[in-house]
N, C-alpha and C. Protein backbone atom coordinates (compact mmCIF):
# COMPACT_ATOMS: atom_id res chain seq x y z
N MET A 1 -17.12 -20.17 15.51
CA MET A 1 -16.15 -21.13 15.02
C MET A 1 -14.71 -20.67 15.26
N GLY A 2 -14.47 -19.40 15.44
CA GLY A 2 -13.10 -18.92 15.60
C GLY A 2 -12.54 -18.48 14.27
N TYR A 3 -11.24 -18.38 14.21
CA TYR A 3 -10.58 -17.89 13.00
C TYR A 3 -10.20 -19.06 12.09
N HIS A 4 -10.65 -19.00 10.85
CA HIS A 4 -10.34 -20.05 9.87
C HIS A 4 -10.36 -19.39 8.50
N TYR A 5 -9.22 -19.43 7.81
CA TYR A 5 -9.12 -18.76 6.51
C TYR A 5 -8.43 -19.70 5.54
N GLU A 6 -9.00 -19.83 4.35
CA GLU A 6 -8.46 -20.73 3.33
C GLU A 6 -7.98 -19.92 2.13
N LEU A 7 -6.75 -20.23 1.67
CA LEU A 7 -6.16 -19.52 0.55
C LEU A 7 -5.67 -20.52 -0.48
N ARG A 8 -5.68 -20.10 -1.72
CA ARG A 8 -5.17 -20.93 -2.82
C ARG A 8 -4.30 -20.06 -3.72
N PHE A 9 -3.11 -20.55 -4.00
CA PHE A 9 -2.19 -19.88 -4.92
C PHE A 9 -1.99 -20.81 -6.09
N GLY A 10 -2.50 -20.41 -7.27
CA GLY A 10 -2.45 -21.27 -8.44
C GLY A 10 -1.69 -20.64 -9.59
N GLY A 11 -0.90 -21.45 -10.24
CA GLY A 11 -0.14 -21.01 -11.42
C GLY A 11 0.35 -22.22 -12.17
N VAL A 12 1.48 -22.09 -12.80
CA VAL A 12 2.14 -23.24 -13.40
C VAL A 12 3.50 -23.39 -12.74
N GLY A 13 4.05 -24.60 -12.83
CA GLY A 13 5.33 -24.88 -12.21
C GLY A 13 6.38 -23.88 -12.61
N GLY A 14 7.09 -23.33 -11.62
CA GLY A 14 8.13 -22.36 -11.88
C GLY A 14 7.71 -20.93 -11.62
N GLN A 15 6.39 -20.68 -11.41
CA GLN A 15 5.92 -19.31 -11.17
C GLN A 15 5.96 -18.91 -9.69
N GLY A 16 6.17 -19.83 -8.80
CA GLY A 16 6.28 -19.49 -7.39
C GLY A 16 5.02 -19.63 -6.57
N SER A 17 4.00 -20.31 -7.08
CA SER A 17 2.76 -20.48 -6.32
C SER A 17 3.00 -21.25 -5.02
N LEU A 18 3.81 -22.29 -5.10
CA LEU A 18 4.08 -23.09 -3.91
C LEU A 18 4.87 -22.28 -2.89
N THR A 19 5.81 -21.47 -3.36
CA THR A 19 6.59 -20.61 -2.47
C THR A 19 5.69 -19.61 -1.77
N ALA A 20 4.75 -19.02 -2.48
CA ALA A 20 3.83 -18.05 -1.89
C ALA A 20 3.03 -18.71 -0.76
N GLY A 21 2.53 -19.91 -1.01
CA GLY A 21 1.79 -20.62 0.03
C GLY A 21 2.66 -20.96 1.23
N THR A 22 3.89 -21.36 0.96
CA THR A 22 4.83 -21.72 2.03
C THR A 22 5.12 -20.51 2.92
N ILE A 23 5.33 -19.35 2.31
CA ILE A 23 5.61 -18.14 3.09
C ILE A 23 4.47 -17.86 4.07
N LEU A 24 3.23 -17.93 3.59
CA LEU A 24 2.09 -17.64 4.48
C LEU A 24 1.93 -18.69 5.57
N ALA A 25 2.10 -19.96 5.20
CA ALA A 25 1.99 -21.02 6.20
C ALA A 25 3.09 -20.87 7.26
N HIS A 26 4.32 -20.59 6.83
CA HIS A 26 5.41 -20.39 7.78
C HIS A 26 5.15 -19.17 8.68
N ALA A 27 4.63 -18.11 8.09
CA ALA A 27 4.32 -16.91 8.89
C ALA A 27 3.31 -17.25 9.98
N ALA A 28 2.28 -18.01 9.62
CA ALA A 28 1.24 -18.37 10.59
C ALA A 28 1.79 -19.23 11.72
N VAL A 29 2.58 -20.24 11.37
CA VAL A 29 3.06 -21.20 12.36
C VAL A 29 4.20 -20.65 13.22
N PHE A 30 5.17 -19.99 12.58
CA PHE A 30 6.38 -19.60 13.30
C PHE A 30 6.38 -18.16 13.81
N HIS A 31 5.45 -17.32 13.32
CA HIS A 31 5.49 -15.92 13.71
C HIS A 31 4.16 -15.40 14.25
N THR A 32 3.19 -16.30 14.46
CA THR A 32 1.93 -15.94 15.12
C THR A 32 1.54 -17.13 16.01
N ASN A 33 0.37 -17.06 16.58
CA ASN A 33 -0.13 -18.17 17.41
C ASN A 33 -1.13 -19.04 16.66
N TYR A 34 -1.13 -18.96 15.32
CA TYR A 34 -2.07 -19.74 14.53
C TYR A 34 -1.50 -21.09 14.15
N TYR A 35 -2.39 -21.95 13.74
CA TYR A 35 -2.04 -23.23 13.12
C TYR A 35 -2.16 -23.03 11.61
N ALA A 36 -1.43 -23.82 10.85
CA ALA A 36 -1.54 -23.71 9.39
C ALA A 36 -1.17 -25.02 8.74
N THR A 37 -1.77 -25.26 7.60
CA THR A 37 -1.36 -26.36 6.73
C THR A 37 -1.11 -25.77 5.35
N GLN A 38 -0.23 -26.41 4.61
CA GLN A 38 0.02 -26.02 3.23
C GLN A 38 0.09 -27.32 2.45
N ALA A 39 -0.81 -27.46 1.48
CA ALA A 39 -0.87 -28.68 0.68
C ALA A 39 -0.61 -28.33 -0.78
N PRO A 40 0.55 -28.74 -1.30
CA PRO A 40 0.85 -28.46 -2.71
C PRO A 40 0.24 -29.52 -3.63
N THR A 41 -0.12 -29.09 -4.81
CA THR A 41 -0.60 -29.99 -5.86
C THR A 41 0.05 -29.56 -7.15
N TYR A 42 0.64 -30.49 -7.86
CA TYR A 42 1.23 -30.15 -9.15
C TYR A 42 1.20 -31.37 -10.05
N THR A 43 1.21 -31.09 -11.33
CA THR A 43 1.17 -32.17 -12.31
C THR A 43 2.56 -32.77 -12.45
N SER A 44 2.68 -33.82 -13.24
CA SER A 44 3.98 -34.47 -13.42
C SER A 44 4.96 -33.56 -14.16
N GLN A 45 4.45 -32.56 -14.90
CA GLN A 45 5.32 -31.56 -15.51
C GLN A 45 5.73 -30.60 -14.41
N VAL A 46 6.99 -30.56 -14.04
CA VAL A 46 7.40 -29.68 -12.96
C VAL A 46 7.31 -28.23 -13.41
N ARG A 47 7.83 -27.90 -14.58
CA ARG A 47 7.72 -26.54 -15.11
C ARG A 47 6.68 -26.54 -16.22
N GLY A 48 5.73 -25.62 -16.12
CA GLY A 48 4.73 -25.49 -17.17
C GLY A 48 3.42 -26.20 -16.91
N GLY A 49 3.39 -27.13 -15.96
CA GLY A 49 2.14 -27.81 -15.61
C GLY A 49 1.42 -27.04 -14.52
N ALA A 50 0.11 -27.19 -14.44
CA ALA A 50 -0.68 -26.50 -13.41
C ALA A 50 -0.19 -26.91 -12.02
N ALA A 51 -0.11 -25.92 -11.14
CA ALA A 51 0.35 -26.16 -9.76
C ALA A 51 -0.45 -25.26 -8.83
N LYS A 52 -0.64 -25.73 -7.61
CA LYS A 52 -1.31 -24.89 -6.62
C LYS A 52 -0.81 -25.22 -5.23
N ALA A 53 -0.96 -24.25 -4.37
CA ALA A 53 -0.69 -24.45 -2.96
C ALA A 53 -1.94 -24.00 -2.21
N ASP A 54 -2.53 -24.91 -1.47
CA ASP A 54 -3.69 -24.58 -0.63
C ASP A 54 -3.19 -24.40 0.80
N VAL A 55 -3.59 -23.30 1.41
CA VAL A 55 -3.17 -22.98 2.76
C VAL A 55 -4.40 -22.77 3.62
N ILE A 56 -4.38 -23.36 4.80
CA ILE A 56 -5.43 -23.12 5.79
C ILE A 56 -4.75 -22.52 7.01
N ILE A 57 -5.30 -21.41 7.49
CA ILE A 57 -4.80 -20.76 8.70
C ILE A 57 -5.95 -20.74 9.69
N SER A 58 -5.69 -21.20 10.91
CA SER A 58 -6.76 -21.33 11.89
C SER A 58 -6.24 -21.08 13.31
N ASP A 59 -7.15 -20.69 14.19
CA ASP A 59 -6.76 -20.55 15.59
C ASP A 59 -6.93 -21.86 16.36
N LYS A 60 -7.38 -22.90 15.67
CA LYS A 60 -7.54 -24.23 16.28
C LYS A 60 -6.76 -25.25 15.46
N PRO A 61 -6.36 -26.36 16.07
CA PRO A 61 -5.67 -27.39 15.28
C PRO A 61 -6.50 -27.79 14.07
N ILE A 62 -5.83 -28.07 12.97
CA ILE A 62 -6.49 -28.37 11.70
C ILE A 62 -6.49 -29.89 11.50
N ALA A 63 -7.66 -30.49 11.56
CA ALA A 63 -7.77 -31.94 11.45
C ALA A 63 -7.83 -32.41 10.00
N PHE A 64 -8.31 -31.56 9.12
CA PHE A 64 -8.51 -31.93 7.71
C PHE A 64 -7.87 -30.84 6.87
N SER A 65 -6.81 -31.18 6.16
CA SER A 65 -6.03 -30.13 5.49
C SER A 65 -6.48 -29.80 4.07
N GLU A 66 -7.59 -30.35 3.64
CA GLU A 66 -8.09 -30.03 2.30
C GLU A 66 -8.98 -28.79 2.36
N THR A 67 -8.73 -27.86 1.43
CA THR A 67 -9.57 -26.67 1.39
C THR A 67 -10.92 -27.02 0.77
N THR A 68 -11.97 -26.48 1.35
CA THR A 68 -13.33 -26.74 0.85
C THR A 68 -14.10 -25.45 0.63
N HIS A 69 -13.54 -24.32 1.10
CA HIS A 69 -14.23 -23.03 1.06
C HIS A 69 -13.17 -21.95 0.93
N VAL A 70 -12.56 -21.84 -0.25
CA VAL A 70 -11.42 -20.94 -0.46
C VAL A 70 -11.87 -19.49 -0.35
N ASP A 71 -11.21 -18.73 0.53
CA ASP A 71 -11.54 -17.32 0.78
C ASP A 71 -10.73 -16.36 -0.08
N PHE A 72 -9.53 -16.79 -0.50
CA PHE A 72 -8.65 -15.98 -1.34
C PHE A 72 -8.00 -16.89 -2.38
N PHE A 73 -8.05 -16.47 -3.64
CA PHE A 73 -7.46 -17.25 -4.73
C PHE A 73 -6.61 -16.35 -5.59
N LEU A 74 -5.34 -16.71 -5.72
CA LEU A 74 -4.44 -16.05 -6.65
C LEU A 74 -4.24 -16.97 -7.84
N ALA A 75 -4.41 -16.45 -9.04
CA ALA A 75 -4.15 -17.24 -10.25
C ALA A 75 -3.19 -16.45 -11.14
N THR A 76 -2.11 -17.13 -11.55
CA THR A 76 -1.12 -16.47 -12.40
C THR A 76 -0.98 -17.17 -13.75
N HIS A 77 -1.92 -18.04 -14.07
CA HIS A 77 -1.93 -18.69 -15.38
C HIS A 77 -3.36 -19.16 -15.67
N GLN A 78 -3.78 -19.01 -16.91
CA GLN A 78 -5.16 -19.37 -17.29
C GLN A 78 -5.45 -20.84 -16.99
N LYS A 79 -4.48 -21.71 -17.27
CA LYS A 79 -4.64 -23.14 -17.03
C LYS A 79 -4.97 -23.41 -15.55
N ALA A 80 -4.25 -22.75 -14.66
CA ALA A 80 -4.48 -22.93 -13.22
C ALA A 80 -5.79 -22.27 -12.79
N TYR A 81 -6.08 -21.11 -13.34
CA TYR A 81 -7.33 -20.43 -13.00
C TYR A 81 -8.52 -21.33 -13.32
N ASP A 82 -8.53 -21.87 -14.53
CA ASP A 82 -9.64 -22.72 -14.96
C ASP A 82 -9.70 -24.02 -14.15
N ALA A 83 -8.55 -24.58 -13.84
CA ALA A 83 -8.50 -25.87 -13.13
C ALA A 83 -8.86 -25.75 -11.65
N TYR A 84 -8.50 -24.64 -11.01
CA TYR A 84 -8.56 -24.58 -9.55
C TYR A 84 -9.59 -23.60 -8.97
N LYS A 85 -10.42 -23.00 -9.79
CA LYS A 85 -11.38 -22.03 -9.26
C LYS A 85 -12.62 -22.70 -8.65
N GLY A 86 -12.73 -23.99 -8.78
CA GLY A 86 -13.93 -24.73 -8.38
C GLY A 86 -14.41 -24.54 -6.96
N ASP A 87 -13.52 -24.57 -5.95
CA ASP A 87 -14.00 -24.44 -4.57
C ASP A 87 -13.80 -23.05 -3.99
N VAL A 88 -13.67 -22.06 -4.85
CA VAL A 88 -13.59 -20.69 -4.36
C VAL A 88 -15.00 -20.28 -3.94
N ALA A 89 -15.11 -19.85 -2.69
CA ALA A 89 -16.42 -19.53 -2.12
C ALA A 89 -17.01 -18.27 -2.74
N GLU A 90 -18.31 -18.22 -2.81
CA GLU A 90 -19.04 -17.05 -3.28
C GLU A 90 -18.60 -15.82 -2.50
N GLY A 91 -18.31 -14.73 -3.19
CA GLY A 91 -17.92 -13.49 -2.54
C GLY A 91 -16.46 -13.39 -2.13
N SER A 92 -15.67 -14.42 -2.44
CA SER A 92 -14.26 -14.43 -2.06
C SER A 92 -13.42 -13.49 -2.92
N TYR A 93 -12.22 -13.22 -2.43
CA TYR A 93 -11.25 -12.41 -3.16
C TYR A 93 -10.53 -13.26 -4.19
N VAL A 94 -10.42 -12.74 -5.41
CA VAL A 94 -9.66 -13.41 -6.47
C VAL A 94 -8.72 -12.38 -7.07
N LEU A 95 -7.43 -12.69 -7.04
CA LEU A 95 -6.40 -11.80 -7.59
C LEU A 95 -5.82 -12.45 -8.84
N VAL A 96 -5.84 -11.71 -9.93
CA VAL A 96 -5.30 -12.22 -11.20
C VAL A 96 -4.44 -11.14 -11.85
N ASP A 97 -3.53 -11.60 -12.70
CA ASP A 97 -2.77 -10.70 -13.56
C ASP A 97 -3.57 -10.61 -14.86
N PRO A 98 -4.10 -9.43 -15.20
CA PRO A 98 -4.96 -9.32 -16.39
C PRO A 98 -4.22 -9.63 -17.69
N GLY A 99 -2.91 -9.58 -17.68
CA GLY A 99 -2.14 -9.95 -18.86
C GLY A 99 -2.05 -11.45 -19.05
N LEU A 100 -2.41 -12.20 -18.02
CA LEU A 100 -2.29 -13.66 -18.05
C LEU A 100 -3.62 -14.39 -17.97
N ILE A 101 -4.63 -13.74 -17.39
CA ILE A 101 -5.91 -14.41 -17.10
C ILE A 101 -7.06 -13.62 -17.70
N LYS A 102 -7.95 -14.34 -18.38
CA LYS A 102 -9.21 -13.75 -18.83
C LYS A 102 -10.29 -14.27 -17.89
N VAL A 103 -10.92 -13.34 -17.17
CA VAL A 103 -11.96 -13.69 -16.19
C VAL A 103 -13.32 -13.60 -16.86
N ALA A 104 -14.08 -14.67 -16.80
CA ALA A 104 -15.42 -14.70 -17.39
C ALA A 104 -16.37 -13.78 -16.62
N ASP A 105 -17.36 -13.25 -17.32
CA ASP A 105 -18.33 -12.35 -16.70
C ASP A 105 -19.05 -12.99 -15.51
N GLU A 106 -19.40 -14.29 -15.64
CA GLU A 106 -20.09 -14.95 -14.52
C GLU A 106 -19.20 -15.04 -13.28
N ASP A 107 -17.87 -15.15 -13.49
CA ASP A 107 -16.94 -15.18 -12.35
C ASP A 107 -16.90 -13.81 -11.66
N ARG A 108 -17.00 -12.76 -12.44
CA ARG A 108 -16.99 -11.41 -11.88
C ARG A 108 -18.22 -11.18 -10.99
N LYS A 109 -19.30 -11.89 -11.28
CA LYS A 109 -20.52 -11.78 -10.46
C LYS A 109 -20.39 -12.60 -9.18
N ARG A 110 -19.62 -13.67 -9.21
CA ARG A 110 -19.49 -14.58 -8.06
C ARG A 110 -18.47 -14.12 -7.02
N TRP A 111 -17.37 -13.48 -7.51
CA TRP A 111 -16.24 -13.16 -6.63
C TRP A 111 -15.85 -11.70 -6.72
N LYS A 112 -15.06 -11.27 -5.77
CA LYS A 112 -14.47 -9.93 -5.78
C LYS A 112 -13.15 -10.05 -6.55
N ILE A 113 -13.18 -9.66 -7.81
CA ILE A 113 -12.01 -9.81 -8.69
C ILE A 113 -11.12 -8.58 -8.57
N TYR A 114 -9.84 -8.83 -8.33
CA TYR A 114 -8.83 -7.77 -8.30
C TYR A 114 -7.80 -8.09 -9.36
N GLU A 115 -7.51 -7.11 -10.20
CA GLU A 115 -6.54 -7.31 -11.28
C GLU A 115 -5.33 -6.42 -11.03
N TYR A 116 -4.15 -7.02 -11.16
CA TYR A 116 -2.91 -6.29 -10.97
C TYR A 116 -1.84 -6.92 -11.86
N PRO A 117 -1.08 -6.10 -12.59
CA PRO A 117 -0.08 -6.64 -13.53
C PRO A 117 1.17 -7.17 -12.81
N LEU A 118 1.04 -8.29 -12.13
CA LEU A 118 2.11 -8.85 -11.31
C LEU A 118 3.42 -9.04 -12.09
N VAL A 119 3.33 -9.67 -13.25
CA VAL A 119 4.54 -9.97 -14.03
C VAL A 119 5.23 -8.68 -14.47
N ASN A 120 4.48 -7.76 -15.02
CA ASN A 120 5.03 -6.51 -15.51
C ASN A 120 5.69 -5.71 -14.39
N VAL A 121 5.02 -5.62 -13.25
CA VAL A 121 5.56 -4.87 -12.11
C VAL A 121 6.82 -5.56 -11.57
N ALA A 122 6.77 -6.89 -11.44
CA ALA A 122 7.94 -7.62 -10.94
C ALA A 122 9.14 -7.41 -11.86
N LYS A 123 8.89 -7.47 -13.13
CA LYS A 123 9.97 -7.35 -14.11
C LYS A 123 10.51 -5.92 -14.19
N HIS A 124 9.63 -4.94 -14.27
CA HIS A 124 10.06 -3.58 -14.56
C HIS A 124 10.23 -2.67 -13.33
N GLU A 125 9.42 -2.87 -12.28
CA GLU A 125 9.55 -2.01 -11.10
C GLU A 125 10.47 -2.62 -10.05
N ILE A 126 10.38 -3.93 -9.86
CA ILE A 126 11.23 -4.59 -8.87
C ILE A 126 12.56 -4.99 -9.51
N GLY A 127 12.51 -5.40 -10.76
CA GLY A 127 13.74 -5.75 -11.46
C GLY A 127 13.99 -7.23 -11.62
N ASN A 128 13.03 -8.06 -11.19
CA ASN A 128 13.20 -9.50 -11.34
C ASN A 128 11.81 -10.15 -11.35
N VAL A 129 11.49 -10.83 -12.44
CA VAL A 129 10.15 -11.40 -12.60
C VAL A 129 9.83 -12.46 -11.54
N VAL A 130 10.85 -13.11 -10.98
CA VAL A 130 10.57 -14.16 -9.99
C VAL A 130 10.02 -13.59 -8.68
N THR A 131 10.03 -12.28 -8.50
CA THR A 131 9.45 -11.69 -7.29
C THR A 131 7.93 -11.56 -7.39
N MET A 132 7.36 -11.96 -8.52
CA MET A 132 5.91 -11.87 -8.73
C MET A 132 5.14 -12.52 -7.58
N ASN A 133 5.59 -13.68 -7.13
CA ASN A 133 4.87 -14.39 -6.06
C ASN A 133 4.91 -13.62 -4.74
N VAL A 134 6.01 -12.93 -4.46
CA VAL A 134 6.11 -12.18 -3.21
C VAL A 134 5.27 -10.90 -3.29
N ILE A 135 5.20 -10.29 -4.46
CA ILE A 135 4.27 -9.17 -4.64
C ILE A 135 2.86 -9.65 -4.34
N ALA A 136 2.50 -10.82 -4.89
CA ALA A 136 1.15 -11.38 -4.68
C ALA A 136 0.88 -11.65 -3.20
N VAL A 137 1.87 -12.14 -2.48
CA VAL A 137 1.71 -12.36 -1.04
C VAL A 137 1.41 -11.03 -0.35
N GLY A 138 2.13 -9.99 -0.73
CA GLY A 138 1.88 -8.67 -0.16
C GLY A 138 0.49 -8.16 -0.46
N VAL A 139 0.04 -8.32 -1.71
CA VAL A 139 -1.32 -7.90 -2.07
C VAL A 139 -2.33 -8.67 -1.23
N CYS A 140 -2.12 -9.96 -1.10
CA CYS A 140 -3.03 -10.81 -0.31
C CYS A 140 -3.12 -10.32 1.13
N VAL A 141 -1.98 -10.08 1.76
CA VAL A 141 -1.96 -9.66 3.16
C VAL A 141 -2.58 -8.28 3.32
N GLY A 142 -2.26 -7.35 2.41
CA GLY A 142 -2.83 -6.01 2.49
C GLY A 142 -4.32 -5.99 2.27
N LEU A 143 -4.80 -6.81 1.36
CA LEU A 143 -6.22 -6.85 1.02
C LEU A 143 -7.04 -7.58 2.08
N THR A 144 -6.55 -8.73 2.54
CA THR A 144 -7.36 -9.59 3.42
C THR A 144 -7.07 -9.43 4.90
N HIS A 145 -5.88 -8.94 5.24
CA HIS A 145 -5.41 -8.91 6.63
C HIS A 145 -5.45 -10.31 7.25
N VAL A 146 -5.19 -11.32 6.44
CA VAL A 146 -5.21 -12.70 6.90
C VAL A 146 -4.20 -12.93 8.01
N LEU A 147 -3.08 -12.25 7.94
CA LEU A 147 -2.04 -12.32 8.97
C LEU A 147 -1.47 -10.93 9.18
N ASP A 148 -0.79 -10.74 10.29
CA ASP A 148 -0.10 -9.50 10.56
C ASP A 148 1.02 -9.32 9.52
N ALA A 149 1.12 -8.13 8.95
CA ALA A 149 2.11 -7.85 7.90
C ALA A 149 3.54 -8.11 8.37
N GLU A 150 3.82 -7.82 9.63
CA GLU A 150 5.18 -8.04 10.16
C GLU A 150 5.51 -9.52 10.28
N ALA A 151 4.52 -10.34 10.64
CA ALA A 151 4.75 -11.78 10.74
C ALA A 151 5.13 -12.35 9.37
N VAL A 152 4.46 -11.87 8.33
CA VAL A 152 4.77 -12.33 6.97
C VAL A 152 6.14 -11.82 6.55
N ARG A 153 6.45 -10.59 6.90
CA ARG A 153 7.79 -10.03 6.59
C ARG A 153 8.88 -10.90 7.24
N ASP A 154 8.66 -11.33 8.48
CA ASP A 154 9.62 -12.18 9.17
C ASP A 154 9.76 -13.54 8.48
N ALA A 155 8.65 -14.08 8.00
CA ALA A 155 8.70 -15.37 7.29
C ALA A 155 9.48 -15.24 5.98
N ILE A 156 9.31 -14.12 5.30
CA ILE A 156 10.07 -13.90 4.05
C ILE A 156 11.56 -13.87 4.37
N LYS A 157 11.92 -13.21 5.46
CA LYS A 157 13.34 -13.17 5.88
C LYS A 157 13.86 -14.58 6.13
N ASP A 158 13.02 -15.44 6.69
CA ASP A 158 13.42 -16.83 6.96
C ASP A 158 13.53 -17.66 5.68
N ASP A 159 12.64 -17.42 4.72
CA ASP A 159 12.48 -18.31 3.57
C ASP A 159 13.26 -17.91 2.32
N VAL A 160 13.66 -16.66 2.23
CA VAL A 160 14.30 -16.17 1.00
C VAL A 160 15.82 -16.16 1.20
N PRO A 161 16.58 -16.60 0.19
CA PRO A 161 18.04 -16.55 0.30
C PRO A 161 18.52 -15.12 0.56
N PRO A 162 19.50 -14.95 1.44
CA PRO A 162 19.97 -13.61 1.81
C PRO A 162 20.32 -12.71 0.61
N ALA A 163 20.86 -13.27 -0.44
CA ALA A 163 21.25 -12.47 -1.61
C ALA A 163 20.04 -11.82 -2.29
N PHE A 164 18.85 -12.38 -2.07
CA PHE A 164 17.64 -11.86 -2.72
C PHE A 164 16.68 -11.20 -1.74
N LEU A 165 17.11 -11.03 -0.50
CA LEU A 165 16.21 -10.52 0.54
C LEU A 165 15.76 -9.09 0.24
N ASP A 166 16.66 -8.19 -0.10
CA ASP A 166 16.28 -6.80 -0.36
C ASP A 166 15.26 -6.70 -1.49
N LEU A 167 15.51 -7.45 -2.55
CA LEU A 167 14.60 -7.46 -3.70
C LEU A 167 13.21 -7.95 -3.30
N ASN A 168 13.18 -9.02 -2.51
CA ASN A 168 11.90 -9.58 -2.08
C ASN A 168 11.18 -8.69 -1.06
N MET A 169 11.92 -8.00 -0.22
CA MET A 169 11.30 -7.05 0.71
C MET A 169 10.67 -5.90 -0.07
N LYS A 170 11.37 -5.43 -1.09
CA LYS A 170 10.82 -4.37 -1.95
C LYS A 170 9.53 -4.86 -2.62
N ALA A 171 9.54 -6.09 -3.09
CA ALA A 171 8.37 -6.69 -3.74
C ALA A 171 7.21 -6.82 -2.75
N TYR A 172 7.49 -7.33 -1.55
CA TYR A 172 6.46 -7.51 -0.54
C TYR A 172 5.85 -6.16 -0.14
N ASN A 173 6.70 -5.18 0.12
CA ASN A 173 6.20 -3.86 0.53
C ASN A 173 5.33 -3.23 -0.55
N LEU A 174 5.72 -3.37 -1.80
CA LEU A 174 4.91 -2.85 -2.90
C LEU A 174 3.56 -3.56 -2.94
N GLY A 175 3.58 -4.89 -2.85
CA GLY A 175 2.34 -5.66 -2.85
C GLY A 175 1.43 -5.29 -1.69
N LEU A 176 2.03 -5.09 -0.52
CA LEU A 176 1.27 -4.70 0.67
C LEU A 176 0.55 -3.37 0.43
N GLU A 177 1.25 -2.40 -0.14
CA GLU A 177 0.65 -1.10 -0.45
C GLU A 177 -0.53 -1.26 -1.42
N VAL A 178 -0.35 -2.08 -2.44
CA VAL A 178 -1.41 -2.30 -3.43
C VAL A 178 -2.62 -2.96 -2.76
N GLY A 179 -2.36 -3.98 -1.94
CA GLY A 179 -3.45 -4.67 -1.24
C GLY A 179 -4.23 -3.74 -0.32
N GLU A 180 -3.50 -2.89 0.42
CA GLU A 180 -4.16 -1.92 1.31
C GLU A 180 -5.01 -0.93 0.50
N LYS A 181 -4.48 -0.53 -0.66
CA LYS A 181 -5.23 0.38 -1.54
C LYS A 181 -6.52 -0.29 -2.02
N PHE A 182 -6.41 -1.55 -2.45
CA PHE A 182 -7.60 -2.30 -2.86
C PHE A 182 -8.61 -2.37 -1.72
N ARG A 183 -8.13 -2.64 -0.51
CA ARG A 183 -9.00 -2.78 0.66
C ARG A 183 -9.73 -1.46 0.94
N LYS A 184 -8.99 -0.35 0.90
CA LYS A 184 -9.61 0.96 1.16
C LYS A 184 -10.64 1.31 0.09
N GLU A 185 -10.34 1.00 -1.16
CA GLU A 185 -11.29 1.26 -2.25
C GLU A 185 -12.57 0.44 -2.03
N ALA A 186 -12.42 -0.81 -1.61
CA ALA A 186 -13.59 -1.67 -1.37
C ALA A 186 -14.42 -1.16 -0.20
N GLU A 187 -13.74 -0.71 0.86
CA GLU A 187 -14.46 -0.18 2.03
C GLU A 187 -15.19 1.12 1.68
N ALA A 188 -14.60 1.94 0.80
CA ALA A 188 -15.22 3.21 0.41
C ALA A 188 -16.50 2.97 -0.40
N LYS A 189 -16.58 1.83 -1.09
CA LYS A 189 -17.77 1.50 -1.91
C LYS A 189 -18.94 1.02 -1.06
N LYS A 190 -18.65 0.60 0.19
CA LYS A 190 -19.72 0.05 1.04
C LYS A 190 -20.69 1.12 1.48
């Protein structure tokens, strides 16, 4: 079939889920030879309502932009986790902030659950809680290798306001390190 990867970034309005999806879709389209779609979904409540960005990255044109077999799911709010976990494929990667999400035991059996304190790290190590989504993008790229890390770095440079670029690069690099660490730990268990 070729290369086809589906990602979902779920949270509530204002947490940056849509931005995270946009960064990956832009990286795929403008900095690699892949095709990508990004389909946002959000409730009428702009801030505080469940929101998600579904991204498909493929080496072939994408005729149907709806995700049906999500390979990676980021959830940054319980409301979004519960609402959007439905089409996450068996054995897929799921990244959650354990301070925000309670993962049921049956979910731990279905998926590869990774927990990382995104909010706490963004706030205290990076210095700005809004970088949480960029940390998550880094974890995603490091863990899944869905795209080349440099292509995503270039997309962040394109998408982030210059005044916040250094902060977001620091966030991305930290997330990338965490994702690579998760990947190595998983490979060591095999």
